[in-house]
Amino acid sequence: MASTQIITEPDAARELAGGWDELAVACSLPLCAPGWMLSWWTHLAPAGGELRIVAVREGAELLALAPWFVQRGEGGRIEVRFLGAQISDRVDVLCRPGRERDAAPALR
């Protein structure tokens, strides 16, 4: 059974760097690697943005990771966006290949 963790602090996100990087490589999405995304967050995050990385685990294994942040949009609505989305054109939810059906329910 998969479990979900919501990460709101950069230091906690950095603790996932090893597994996160493995997922980025497995998914062929280098702009989703933690080195790039967390640097973007540190230097270019929008004012008022709040980190919301969703990590899906099965035991110690990182199955999926959604590198998101939230911010207030027009009219006060909450918008969910990918880290680096404004300047990176290939960002997505990362999932260990072949485990998508196991991880998807935890990301709902």
PDB file of N, CA and C in Angstrom:
ATOM      1  N   MET A   1       0.849  -1.188   0.000  1.00  0.00           N
ATOM      2  CA  MET A   1       0.000   0.000   0.000  1.00  0.00           C
ATOM      3  C   MET A   1       0.886   1.240   0.000  1.00  0.00           C
ATOM      4  N   ALA A   2       0.597   2.166  -0.878  1.00  0.00           N
ATOM      5  CA  ALA A   2       1.385   3.389  -1.002  1.00  0.00           C
ATOM      6  C   ALA A   2       0.954   4.410   0.047  1.00  0.00           C
ATOM      7  N   SER A   3       1.925   5.170   0.525  1.00  0.00           N
ATOM      8  CA  SER A   3       1.640   6.258   1.458  1.00  0.00           C
ATOM      9  C   SER A   3       2.085   7.572   0.828  1.00  0.00           C
ATOM     10  N   THR A   4       1.464   8.651   1.266  1.00  0.00           N
ATOM     11  CA  THR A   4       1.729   9.970   0.702  1.00  0.00           C
ATOM     12  C   THR A   4       2.285  10.892   1.772  1.00  0.00           C
ATOM     13  N   GLN A   5       3.267  11.677   1.372  1.00  0.00           N
ATOM     14  CA  GLN A   5       3.854  12.690   2.243  1.00  0.00           C
ATOM     15  C   GLN A   5       3.817  14.022   1.498  1.00  0.00           C
ATOM     16  N   ILE A   6       3.338  15.070   2.150  1.00  0.00           N
ATOM     17  CA  ILE A   6       3.334  16.417   1.583  1.00  0.00           C
ATOM     18  C   ILE A   6       4.530  17.160   2.168  1.00  0.00           C
ATOM     19  N   ILE A   7       5.390  17.642   1.308  1.00  0.00           N
ATOM     20  CA  ILE A   7       6.606  18.329   1.741  1.00  0.00           C
ATOM     21  C   ILE A   7       6.435  19.820   1.495  1.00  0.00           C
ATOM     22  N   THR A   8       6.634  20.599   2.542  1.00  0.00           N
ATOM     23  CA  THR A   8       6.427  22.045   2.452  1.00  0.00           C
ATOM     24  C   THR A   8       7.697  22.848   2.726  1.00  0.00           C
ATOM     25  N   GLU A   9       8.773  22.169   3.083  1.00  0.00           N
ATOM     26  CA  GLU A   9      10.029  22.850   3.415  1.00  0.00           C
ATOM     27  C   GLU A   9      11.156  22.369   2.506  1.00  0.00           C
ATOM     28  N   PRO A  10      11.970  23.286   1.985  1.00  0.00           N
ATOM     29  CA  PRO A  10      13.071  22.899   1.099  1.00  0.00           C
ATOM     30  C   PRO A  10      14.037  21.886   1.714  1.00  0.00           C
ATOM     31  N   ASP A  11      14.338  22.006   2.998  1.00  0.00           N
ATOM     32  CA  ASP A  11      15.260  21.050   3.622  1.00  0.00           C
ATOM     33  C   ASP A  11      14.699  19.632   3.587  1.00  0.00           C
ATOM     34  N   ALA A  12      13.412  19.488   3.816  1.00  0.00           N
ATOM     35  CA  ALA A  12      12.775  18.163   3.742  1.00  0.00           C
ATOM     36  C   ALA A  12      12.798  17.647   2.307  1.00  0.00           C
ATOM     37  N   ALA A  13      12.632  18.534   1.336  1.00  0.00           N
ATOM     38  CA  ALA A  13      12.687  18.133  -0.073  1.00  0.00           C
ATOM     39  C   ALA A  13      14.086  17.647  -0.439  1.00  0.00           C
ATOM     40  N   ARG A  14      15.106  18.313   0.070  1.00  0.00           N
ATOM     41  CA  ARG A  14      16.494  17.916  -0.217  1.00  0.00           C
ATOM     42  C   ARG A  14      16.795  16.513   0.308  1.00  0.00           C
ATOM     43  N   GLU A  15      16.125  16.109   1.368  1.00  0.00           N
ATOM     44  CA  GLU A  15      16.325  14.757   1.904  1.00  0.00           C
ATOM     45  C   GLU A  15      15.878  13.680   0.918  1.00  0.00           C
ATOM     46  N   LEU A  16      15.019  14.034  -0.019  1.00  0.00           N
ATOM     47  CA  LEU A  16      14.536  13.089  -1.029  1.00  0.00           C
ATOM     48  C   LEU A  16      15.400  13.075  -2.281  1.00  0.00           C
ATOM     49  N   ALA A  17      16.460  13.869  -2.316  1.00  0.00           N
ATOM     50  CA  ALA A  17      17.215  14.104  -3.548  1.00  0.00           C
ATOM     51  C   ALA A  17      17.664  12.825  -4.251  1.00  0.00           C
ATOM     52  N   GLY A  18      18.139  11.830  -3.520  1.00  0.00           N
ATOM     53  CA  GLY A  18      18.610  10.601  -4.157  1.00  0.00           C
ATOM     54  C   GLY A  18      17.519   9.883  -4.929  1.00  0.00           C
ATOM     55  N   GLY A  19      16.409   9.587  -4.257  1.00  0.00           N
ATOM     56  CA  GLY A  19      15.289   8.916  -4.915  1.00  0.00           C
ATOM     57  C   GLY A  19      14.634   9.779  -5.975  1.00  0.00           C
ATOM     58  N   TRP A  20      14.541  11.069  -5.713  1.00  0.00           N
ATOM     59  CA  TRP A  20      13.957  12.022  -6.663  1.00  0.00           C
ATOM     60  C   TRP A  20      14.781  12.040  -7.950  1.00  0.00           C
ATOM     61  N   ASP A  21      16.104  12.102  -7.818  1.00  0.00           N
ATOM     62  CA  ASP A  21      16.970  12.114  -8.993  1.00  0.00           C
ATOM     63  C   ASP A  21      16.825  10.814  -9.788  1.00  0.00           C
ATOM     64  N   GLU A  22      16.731   9.681  -9.094  1.00  0.00           N
ATOM     65  CA  GLU A  22      16.521   8.396  -9.778  1.00  0.00           C
ATOM     66  C   GLU A  22      15.243   8.421 -10.603  1.00  0.00           C
ATOM     67  N   LEU A  23      14.171   8.980 -10.046  1.00  0.00           N
ATOM     68  CA  LEU A  23      12.910   9.069 -10.786  1.00  0.00           C
ATOM     69  C   LEU A  23      13.051   9.966 -12.013  1.00  0.00           C
ATOM     70  N   ALA A  24      13.724  11.099 -11.876  1.00  0.00           N
ATOM     71  CA  ALA A  24      13.907  12.010 -13.012  1.00  0.00           C
ATOM     72  C   ALA A  24      14.673  11.317 -14.138  1.00  0.00           C
ATOM     73  N   VAL A  25      15.695  10.544 -13.788  1.00  0.00           N
ATOM     74  CA  VAL A  25      16.466   9.804 -14.789  1.00  0.00           C
ATOM     75  C   VAL A  25      15.600   8.723 -15.424  1.00  0.00           C
ATOM     76  N   ALA A  26      14.883   7.947 -14.605  1.00  0.00           N
ATOM     77  CA  ALA A  26      14.030   6.867 -15.118  1.00  0.00           C
ATOM     78  C   ALA A  26      12.947   7.387 -16.053  1.00  0.00           C
ATOM     79  N   CYS A  27      12.483   8.615 -15.808  1.00  0.00           N
ATOM     80  CA  CYS A  27      11.426   9.218 -16.630  1.00  0.00           C
ATOM     81  C   CYS A  27      11.983  10.066 -17.777  1.00  0.00           C
ATOM     82  N   SER A  28      13.301  10.133 -17.894  1.00  0.00           N
ATOM     83  CA  SER A  28      13.962  10.953 -18.927  1.00  0.00           C
ATOM     84  C   SER A  28      13.505  12.401 -18.880  1.00  0.00           C
ATOM     85  N   LEU A  29      13.420  12.943 -17.669  1.00  0.00           N
ATOM     86  CA  LEU A  29      13.004  14.333 -17.468  1.00  0.00           C
ATOM     87  C   LEU A  29      14.069  15.071 -16.646  1.00  0.00           C
ATOM     88  N   PRO A  30      15.179  15.457 -17.290  1.00  0.00           N
ATOM     89  CA  PRO A  30      16.265  16.090 -16.540  1.00  0.00           C
ATOM     90  C   PRO A  30      15.882  17.407 -15.877  1.00  0.00           C
ATOM     91  N   LEU A  31      14.916  18.129 -16.428  1.00  0.00           N
ATOM     92  CA  LEU A  31      14.506  19.389 -15.808  1.00  0.00           C
ATOM     93  C   LEU A  31      13.612  19.167 -14.590  1.00  0.00           C
ATOM     94  N   CYS A  32      13.323  17.901 -14.283  1.00  0.00           N
ATOM     95  CA  CYS A  32      12.584  17.564 -13.063  1.00  0.00           C
ATOM     96  C   CYS A  32      13.518  17.062 -11.964  1.00  0.00           C
ATOM     97  N   ALA A  33      14.816  17.080 -12.218  1.00  0.00           N
ATOM     98  CA  ALA A  33      15.785  16.645 -11.211  1.00  0.00           C
ATOM     99  C   ALA A  33      15.785  17.625 -10.039  1.00  0.00           C
ATOM    100  N   PRO A  34      16.045  17.131  -8.844  1.00  0.00           N
ATOM    101  CA  PRO A  34      15.993  18.008  -7.676  1.00  0.00           C
ATOM    102  C   PRO A  34      17.007  19.145  -7.722  1.00  0.00           C
ATOM    103  N   GLY A  35      18.170  18.922  -8.316  1.00  0.00           N
ATOM    104  CA  GLY A  35      19.156  19.994  -8.401  1.00  0.00           C
ATOM    105  C   GLY A  35      18.613  21.213  -9.125  1.00  0.00           C
ATOM    106  N   TRP A  36      17.910  20.974 -10.229  1.00  0.00           N
ATOM    107  CA  TRP A  36      17.324  22.075 -11.000  1.00  0.00           C
ATOM    108  C   TRP A  36      16.104  22.657 -10.293  1.00  0.00           C
ATOM    109  N   MET A  37      15.183  21.801  -9.897  1.00  0.00           N
ATOM    110  CA  MET A  37      13.919  22.296  -9.345  1.00  0.00           C
ATOM    111  C   MET A  37      14.100  23.020  -8.012  1.00  0.00           C
ATOM    112  N   LEU A  38      14.941  22.502  -7.154  1.00  0.00           N
ATOM    113  CA  LEU A  38      15.132  23.165  -5.859  1.00  0.00           C
ATOM    114  C   LEU A  38      15.949  24.451  -5.999  1.00  0.00           C
ATOM    115  N   SER A  39      16.858  24.488  -6.977  1.00  0.00           N
ATOM    116  CA  SER A  39      17.558  25.753  -7.256  1.00  0.00           C
ATOM    117  C   SER A  39      16.578  26.790  -7.778  1.00  0.00           C
ATOM    118  N   TRP A  40      15.681  26.353  -8.667  1.00  0.00           N
ATOM    119  CA  TRP A  40      14.654  27.270  -9.176  1.00  0.00           C
ATOM    120  C   TRP A  40      13.831  27.815  -8.003  1.00  0.00           C
ATOM    121  N   TRP A  41      13.424  26.927  -7.103  1.00  0.00           N
ATOM    122  CA  TRP A  41      12.619  27.352  -5.958  1.00  0.00           C
ATOM    123  C   TRP A  41      13.374  28.374  -5.104  1.00  0.00           C
ATOM    124  N   THR A  42      14.636  28.106  -4.844  1.00  0.00           N
ATOM    125  CA  THR A  42      15.442  28.994  -4.007  1.00  0.00           C
ATOM    126  C   THR A  42      15.594  30.383  -4.625  1.00  0.00           C
ATOM    127  N   HIS A  43      15.791  30.436  -5.929  1.00  0.00           N
ATOM    128  CA  HIS A  43      16.137  31.707  -6.572  1.00  0.00           C
ATOM    129  C   HIS A  43      15.004  32.383  -7.337  1.00  0.00           C
ATOM    130  N   LEU A  44      14.011  31.619  -7.785  1.00  0.00           N
ATOM    131  CA  LEU A  44      13.000  32.187  -8.678  1.00  0.00           C
ATOM    132  C   LEU A  44      11.551  31.956  -8.256  1.00  0.00           C
ATOM    133  N   ALA A  45      11.345  31.363  -7.107  1.00  0.00           N
ATOM    134  CA  ALA A  45       9.962  31.104  -6.666  1.00  0.00           C
ATOM    135  C   ALA A  45       9.188  32.415  -6.592  1.00  0.00           C
ATOM    136  N   PRO A  46       7.924  32.393  -7.019  1.00  0.00           N
ATOM    137  CA  PRO A  46       7.123  33.616  -6.946  1.00  0.00           C
ATOM    138  C   PRO A  46       6.845  34.019  -5.497  1.00  0.00           C
ATOM    139  N   ALA A  47       6.764  35.307  -5.279  1.00  0.00           N
ATOM    140  CA  ALA A  47       6.436  35.819  -3.942  1.00  0.00           C
ATOM    141  C   ALA A  47       5.111  35.219  -3.490  1.00  0.00           C
ATOM    142  N   GLY A  48       5.069  34.743  -2.279  1.00  0.00           N
ATOM    143  CA  GLY A  48       3.844  34.158  -1.740  1.00  0.00           C
ATOM    144  C   GLY A  48       3.639  32.703  -2.110  1.00  0.00           C
ATOM    145  N   GLY A  49       4.505  32.136  -2.951  1.00  0.00           N
ATOM    146  CA  GLY A  49       4.381  30.727  -3.311  1.00  0.00           C
ATOM    147  C   GLY A  49       4.717  29.832  -2.126  1.00  0.00           C
ATOM    148  N   GLU A  50       4.049  28.691  -2.054  1.00  0.00           N
ATOM    149  CA  GLU A  50       4.276  27.734  -0.967  1.00  0.00           C
ATOM    150  C   GLU A  50       4.581  26.365  -1.565  1.00  0.00           C
ATOM    151  N   LEU A  51       5.680  25.777  -1.144  1.00  0.00           N
ATOM    152  CA  LEU A  51       6.107  24.478  -1.637  1.00  0.00           C
ATOM    153  C   LEU A  51       5.079  23.404  -1.279  1.00  0.00           C
ATOM    154  N   ARG A  52       4.754  22.541  -2.239  1.00  0.00           N
ATOM    155  CA  ARG A  52       3.828  21.429  -2.001  1.00  0.00           C
ATOM    156  C   ARG A  52       4.277  20.231  -2.834  1.00  0.00           C
ATOM    157  N   ILE A  53       5.382  19.647  -2.458  1.00  0.00           N
ATOM    158  CA  ILE A  53       5.874  18.463  -3.152  1.00  0.00           C
ATOM    159  C   ILE A  53       5.166  17.257  -2.553  1.00  0.00           C
ATOM    160  N   VAL A  54       4.618  16.418  -3.408  1.00  0.00           N
ATOM    161  CA  VAL A  54       3.919  15.214  -2.948  1.00  0.00           C
ATOM    162  C   VAL A  54       4.802  14.009  -3.274  1.00  0.00           C
ATOM    163  N   ALA A  55       5.203  13.294  -2.243  1.00  0.00           N
ATOM    164  CA  ALA A  55       6.020  12.092  -2.401  1.00  0.00           C
ATOM    165  C   ALA A  55       5.159  10.872  -2.107  1.00  0.00           C
ATOM    166  N   VAL A  56       5.202   9.902  -3.007  1.00  0.00           N
ATOM    167  CA  VAL A  56       4.447   8.660  -2.835  1.00  0.00           C
ATOM    168  C   VAL A  56       5.458   7.542  -2.616  1.00  0.00           C
ATOM    169  N   ARG A  57       5.305   6.838  -1.514  1.00  0.00           N
ATOM    170  CA  ARG A  57       6.236   5.766  -1.149  1.00  0.00           C
ATOM    171  C   ARG A  57       5.495   4.452  -0.949  1.00  0.00           C
ATOM    172  N   GLU A  58       6.228   3.396  -1.198  1.00  0.00           N
ATOM    173  CA  GLU A  58       5.795   2.065  -0.796  1.00  0.00           C
ATOM    174  C   GLU A  58       6.939   1.522   0.047  1.00  0.00           C
ATOM    175  N   GLY A  59       6.753   1.540   1.342  1.00  0.00           N
ATOM    176  CA  GLY A  59       7.862   1.235   2.240  1.00  0.00           C
ATOM    177  C   GLY A  59       8.913   2.321   2.095  1.00  0.00           C
ATOM    178  N   ALA A  60      10.159   1.924   1.870  1.00  0.00           N
ATOM    179  CA  ALA A  60      11.247   2.890   1.706  1.00  0.00           C
ATOM    180  C   ALA A  60      11.392   3.369   0.262  1.00  0.00           C
ATOM    181  N   GLU A  61      10.704   2.702  -0.678  1.00  0.00           N
ATOM    182  CA  GLU A  61      10.853   3.033  -2.103  1.00  0.00           C
ATOM    183  C   GLU A  61      10.015   4.254  -2.483  1.00  0.00           C
ATOM    184  N   LEU A  62      10.647   5.216  -3.143  1.00  0.00           N
ATOM    185  CA  LEU A  62       9.940   6.375  -3.678  1.00  0.00           C
ATOM    186  C   LEU A  62       9.333   5.972  -5.017  1.00  0.00           C
ATOM    187  N   LEU A  63       7.997   5.878  -5.068  1.00  0.00           N
ATOM    188  CA  LEU A  63       7.302   5.467  -6.291  1.00  0.00           C
ATOM    189  C   LEU A  63       7.032   6.634  -7.222  1.00  0.00           C
ATOM    190  N   ALA A  64       6.676   7.767  -6.654  1.00  0.00           N
ATOM    191  CA  ALA A  64       6.294   8.916  -7.474  1.00  0.00           C
ATOM    192  C   ALA A  64       6.561  10.191  -6.698  1.00  0.00           C
ATOM    193  N   LEU A  65       6.670  11.272  -7.460  1.00  0.00           N
ATOM    194  CA  LEU A  65       6.885  12.567  -6.846  1.00  0.00           C
ATOM    195  C   LEU A  65       6.240  13.629  -7.732  1.00  0.00           C
ATOM    196  N   ALA A  66       5.417  14.458  -7.117  1.00  0.00           N
ATOM    197  CA  ALA A  66       4.783  15.575  -7.819  1.00  0.00           C
ATOM    198  C   ALA A  66       5.449  16.859  -7.330  1.00  0.00           C
ATOM    199  N   PRO A  67       6.298  17.478  -8.159  1.00  0.00           N
ATOM    200  CA  PRO A  67       7.039  18.673  -7.737  1.00  0.00           C
ATOM    201  C   PRO A  67       6.218  19.950  -7.928  1.00  0.00           C
ATOM    202  N   TRP A  68       5.348  20.227  -6.987  1.00  0.00           N
ATOM    203  CA  TRP A  68       4.401  21.331  -7.101  1.00  0.00           C
ATOM    204  C   TRP A  68       4.668  22.438  -6.088  1.00  0.00           C
ATOM    205  N   PHE A  69       4.049  23.578  -6.362  1.00  0.00           N
ATOM    206  CA  PHE A  69       3.911  24.642  -5.371  1.00  0.00           C
ATOM    207  C   PHE A  69       2.532  25.246  -5.570  1.00  0.00           C
ATOM    208  N   VAL A  70       2.053  25.956  -4.574  1.00  0.00           N
ATOM    209  CA  VAL A  70       0.757  26.633  -4.680  1.00  0.00           C
ATOM    210  C   VAL A  70       0.968  28.130  -4.509  1.00  0.00           C
ATOM    211  N   GLN A  71       0.072  28.882  -5.142  1.00  0.00           N
ATOM    212  CA  GLN A  71       0.080  30.332  -4.976  1.00  0.00           C
ATOM    213  C   GLN A  71      -1.336  30.847  -5.171  1.00  0.00           C
ATOM    214  N   ARG A  72      -1.574  32.035  -4.682  1.00  0.00           N
ATOM    215  CA  ARG A  72      -2.883  32.674  -4.853  1.00  0.00           C
ATOM    216  C   ARG A  72      -2.935  33.322  -6.230  1.00  0.00           C
ATOM    217  N   GLY A  73      -4.017  33.054  -6.940  1.00  0.00           N
ATOM    218  CA  GLY A  73      -4.219  33.647  -8.253  1.00  0.00           C
ATOM    219  C   GLY A  73      -5.260  34.744  -8.191  1.00  0.00           C
ATOM    220  N   GLU A  74      -5.775  35.084  -9.354  1.00  0.00           N
ATOM    221  CA  GLU A  74      -6.820  36.108  -9.440  1.00  0.00           C
ATOM    222  C   GLU A  74      -8.009  35.738  -8.580  1.00  0.00           C
ATOM    223  N   GLY A  75      -8.561  36.714  -7.910  1.00  0.00           N
ATOM    224  CA  GLY A  75      -9.726  36.480  -7.073  1.00  0.00           C
ATOM    225  C   GLY A  75      -9.437  35.642  -5.844  1.00  0.00           C
ATOM    226  N   GLY A  76      -8.150  35.419  -5.535  1.00  0.00           N
ATOM    227  CA  GLY A  76      -7.793  34.655  -4.349  1.00  0.00           C
ATOM    228  C   GLY A  76      -7.828  33.147  -4.524  1.00  0.00           C
ATOM    229  N   ARG A  77      -8.115  32.668  -5.745  1.00  0.00           N
ATOM    230  CA  ARG A  77      -8.167  31.209  -5.922  1.00  0.00           C
ATOM    231  C   ARG A  77      -6.765  30.619  -5.796  1.00  0.00           C
ATOM    232  N   ILE A  78      -6.694  29.405  -5.339  1.00  0.00           N
ATOM    233  CA  ILE A  78      -5.414  28.718  -5.173  1.00  0.00           C
ATOM    234  C   ILE A  78      -5.060  28.011  -6.475  1.00  0.00           C
ATOM    235  N   GLU A  79      -3.850  28.263  -6.959  1.00  0.00           N
ATOM    236  CA  GLU A  79      -3.351  27.636  -8.181  1.00  0.00           C
ATOM    237  C   GLU A  79      -2.231  26.667  -7.818  1.00  0.00           C
ATOM    238  N   VAL A  80      -2.274  25.482  -8.401  1.00  0.00           N
ATOM    239  CA  VAL A  80      -1.217  24.490  -8.219  1.00  0.00           C
ATOM    240  C   VAL A  80      -0.367  24.512  -9.484  1.00  0.00           C
ATOM    241  N   ARG A  81       0.945  24.669  -9.315  1.00  0.00           N
ATOM    242  CA  ARG A  81       1.857  24.763 -10.461  1.00  0.00           C
ATOM    243  C   ARG A  81       3.072  23.875 -10.233  1.00  0.00           C
ATOM    244  N   PHE A  82       3.706  23.517 -11.335  1.00  0.00           N
ATOM    245  CA  PHE A  82       4.950  22.761 -11.255  1.00  0.00           C
ATOM    246  C   PHE A  82       6.114  23.687 -10.931  1.00  0.00           C
ATOM    247  N   LEU A  83       7.037  23.211 -10.125  1.00  0.00           N
ATOM    248  CA  LEU A  83       8.279  23.943  -9.904  1.00  0.00           C
ATOM    249  C   LEU A  83       8.956  24.148 -11.260  1.00  0.00           C
ATOM    250  N   GLY A  84       9.403  25.344 -11.524  1.00  0.00           N
ATOM    251  CA  GLY A  84      10.105  25.644 -12.762  1.00  0.00           C
ATOM    252  C   GLY A  84       9.245  25.785 -13.991  1.00  0.00           C
ATOM    253  N   ALA A  85       7.928  25.697 -13.848  1.00  0.00           N
ATOM    254  CA  ALA A  85       7.040  25.677 -15.014  1.00  0.00           C
ATOM    255  C   ALA A  85       7.135  26.925 -15.876  1.00  0.00           C
ATOM    256  N   GLN A  86       7.433  28.048 -15.289  1.00  0.00           N
ATOM    257  CA  GLN A  86       7.461  29.279 -16.061  1.00  0.00           C
ATOM    258  C   GLN A  86       8.638  29.329 -17.032  1.00  0.00           C
ATOM    259  N   ILE A  87       9.702  28.576 -16.761  1.00  0.00           N
ATOM    260  CA  ILE A  87      10.870  28.631 -17.642  1.00  0.00           C
ATOM    261  C   ILE A  87      11.314  27.258 -18.147  1.00  0.00           C
ATOM    262  N   SER A  88      10.699  26.193 -17.692  1.00  0.00           N
ATOM    263  CA  SER A  88      11.025  24.837 -18.139  1.00  0.00           C
ATOM    264  C   SER A  88       9.835  24.284 -18.905  1.00  0.00           C
ATOM    265  N   ASP A  89      10.089  23.725 -20.067  1.00  0.00           N
ATOM    266  CA  ASP A  89       8.958  23.257 -20.869  1.00  0.00           C
ATOM    267  C   ASP A  89       8.671  21.767 -20.741  1.00  0.00           C
ATOM    268  N   ARG A  90       9.509  21.004 -20.043  1.00  0.00           N
ATOM    269  CA  ARG A  90       9.222  19.583 -19.862  1.00  0.00           C
ATOM    270  C   ARG A  90       9.266  19.221 -18.393  1.00  0.00           C
ATOM    271  N   VAL A  91       8.231  19.585 -17.679  1.00  0.00           N
ATOM    272  CA  VAL A  91       8.109  19.213 -16.275  1.00  0.00           C
ATOM    273  C   VAL A  91       6.834  18.404 -16.111  1.00  0.00           C
ATOM    274  N   ASP A  92       6.859  17.459 -15.183  1.00  0.00           N
ATOM    275  CA  ASP A  92       5.721  16.558 -15.039  1.00  0.00           C
ATOM    276  C   ASP A  92       5.818  15.859 -13.686  1.00  0.00           C
ATOM    277  N   VAL A  93       4.783  15.127 -13.353  1.00  0.00           N
ATOM    278  CA  VAL A  93       4.824  14.234 -12.198  1.00  0.00           C
ATOM    279  C   VAL A  93       5.760  13.088 -12.574  1.00  0.00           C
ATOM    280  N   LEU A  94       6.611  12.713 -11.652  1.00  0.00           N
ATOM    281  CA  LEU A  94       7.547  11.615 -11.873  1.00  0.00           C
ATOM    282  C   LEU A  94       6.988  10.345 -11.253  1.00  0.00           C
ATOM    283  N   CYS A  95       7.104   9.237 -11.981  1.00  0.00           N
ATOM    284  CA  CYS A  95       6.633   7.958 -11.453  1.00  0.00           C
ATOM    285  C   CYS A  95       7.557   6.851 -11.940  1.00  0.00           C
ATOM    286  N   ARG A  96       7.877   5.947 -11.038  1.00  0.00           N
ATOM    287  CA  ARG A  96       8.711   4.813 -11.418  1.00  0.00           C
ATOM    288  C   ARG A  96       8.004   4.052 -12.541  1.00  0.00           C
ATOM    289  N   PRO A  97       8.679   3.838 -13.676  1.00  0.00           N
ATOM    290  CA  PRO A  97       8.052   3.141 -14.805  1.00  0.00           C
ATOM    291  C   PRO A  97       7.478   1.782 -14.389  1.00  0.00           C
ATOM    292  N   GLY A  98       6.254   1.538 -14.819  1.00  0.00           N
ATOM    293  CA  GLY A  98       5.553   0.303 -14.495  1.00  0.00           C
ATOM    294  C   GLY A  98       4.785   0.341 -13.188  1.00  0.00           C
ATOM    295  N   ARG A  99       4.919   1.415 -12.424  1.00  0.00           N
ATOM    296  CA  ARG A  99       4.253   1.519 -11.122  1.00  0.00           C
ATOM    297  C   ARG A  99       3.187   2.616 -11.101  1.00  0.00           C
ATOM    298  N   GLU A 100       2.822   3.113 -12.259  1.00  0.00           N
ATOM    299  CA  GLU A 100       1.861   4.217 -12.347  1.00  0.00           C
ATOM    300  C   GLU A 100       0.532   3.895 -11.681  1.00  0.00           C
ATOM    301  N   ARG A 101       0.017   2.700 -11.887  1.00  0.00           N
ATOM    302  CA  ARG A 101      -1.284   2.333 -11.290  1.00  0.00           C
ATOM    303  C   ARG A 101      -1.206   2.226  -9.766  1.00  0.00           C
ATOM    304  N   ASP A 102      -0.044   1.893  -9.260  1.00  0.00           N
ATOM    305  CA  ASP A 102       0.135   1.821  -7.805  1.00  0.00           C
ATOM    306  C   ASP A 102       0.202   3.214  -7.187  1.00  0.00           C
ATOM    307  N   ALA A 103       0.822   4.145  -7.897  1.00  0.00           N
ATOM    308  CA  ALA A 103       1.047   5.485  -7.351  1.00  0.00           C
ATOM    309  C   ALA A 103      -0.111   6.444  -7.585  1.00  0.00           C
ATOM    310  N   ALA A 104      -0.831   6.284  -8.678  1.00  0.00           N
ATOM    311  CA  ALA A 104      -1.861   7.265  -9.062  1.00  0.00           C
ATOM    312  C   ALA A 104      -2.905   7.538  -7.978  1.00  0.00           C
ATOM    313  N   PRO A 105      -3.470   6.535  -7.313  1.00  0.00           N
ATOM    314  CA  PRO A 105      -4.487   6.844  -6.297  1.00  0.00           C
ATOM    315  C   PRO A 105      -3.969   7.746  -5.170  1.00  0.00           C
ATOM    316  N   ALA A 106      -2.690   7.651  -4.864  1.00  0.00           N
ATOM    317  CA  ALA A 106      -2.124   8.468  -3.785  1.00  0.00           C
ATOM    318  C   ALA A 106      -1.959   9.927  -4.190  1.00  0.00           C
ATOM    319  N   LEU A 107      -2.032  10.223  -5.479  1.00  0.00           N
ATOM    320  CA  LEU A 107      -1.867  11.598  -5.967  1.00  0.00           C
ATOM    321  C   LEU A 107      -3.194  12.312  -6.185  1.00  0.00           C
ATOM    322  N   ARG A 108      -4.294  11.665  -5.932  1.00  0.00           N
ATOM    323  CA  ARG A 108      -5.611  12.290  -6.152  1.00  0.00           C
ATOM    324  C   ARG A 108      -5.872  13.394  -5.177  1.00  0.00           C
TER     325      ARG A 108
END
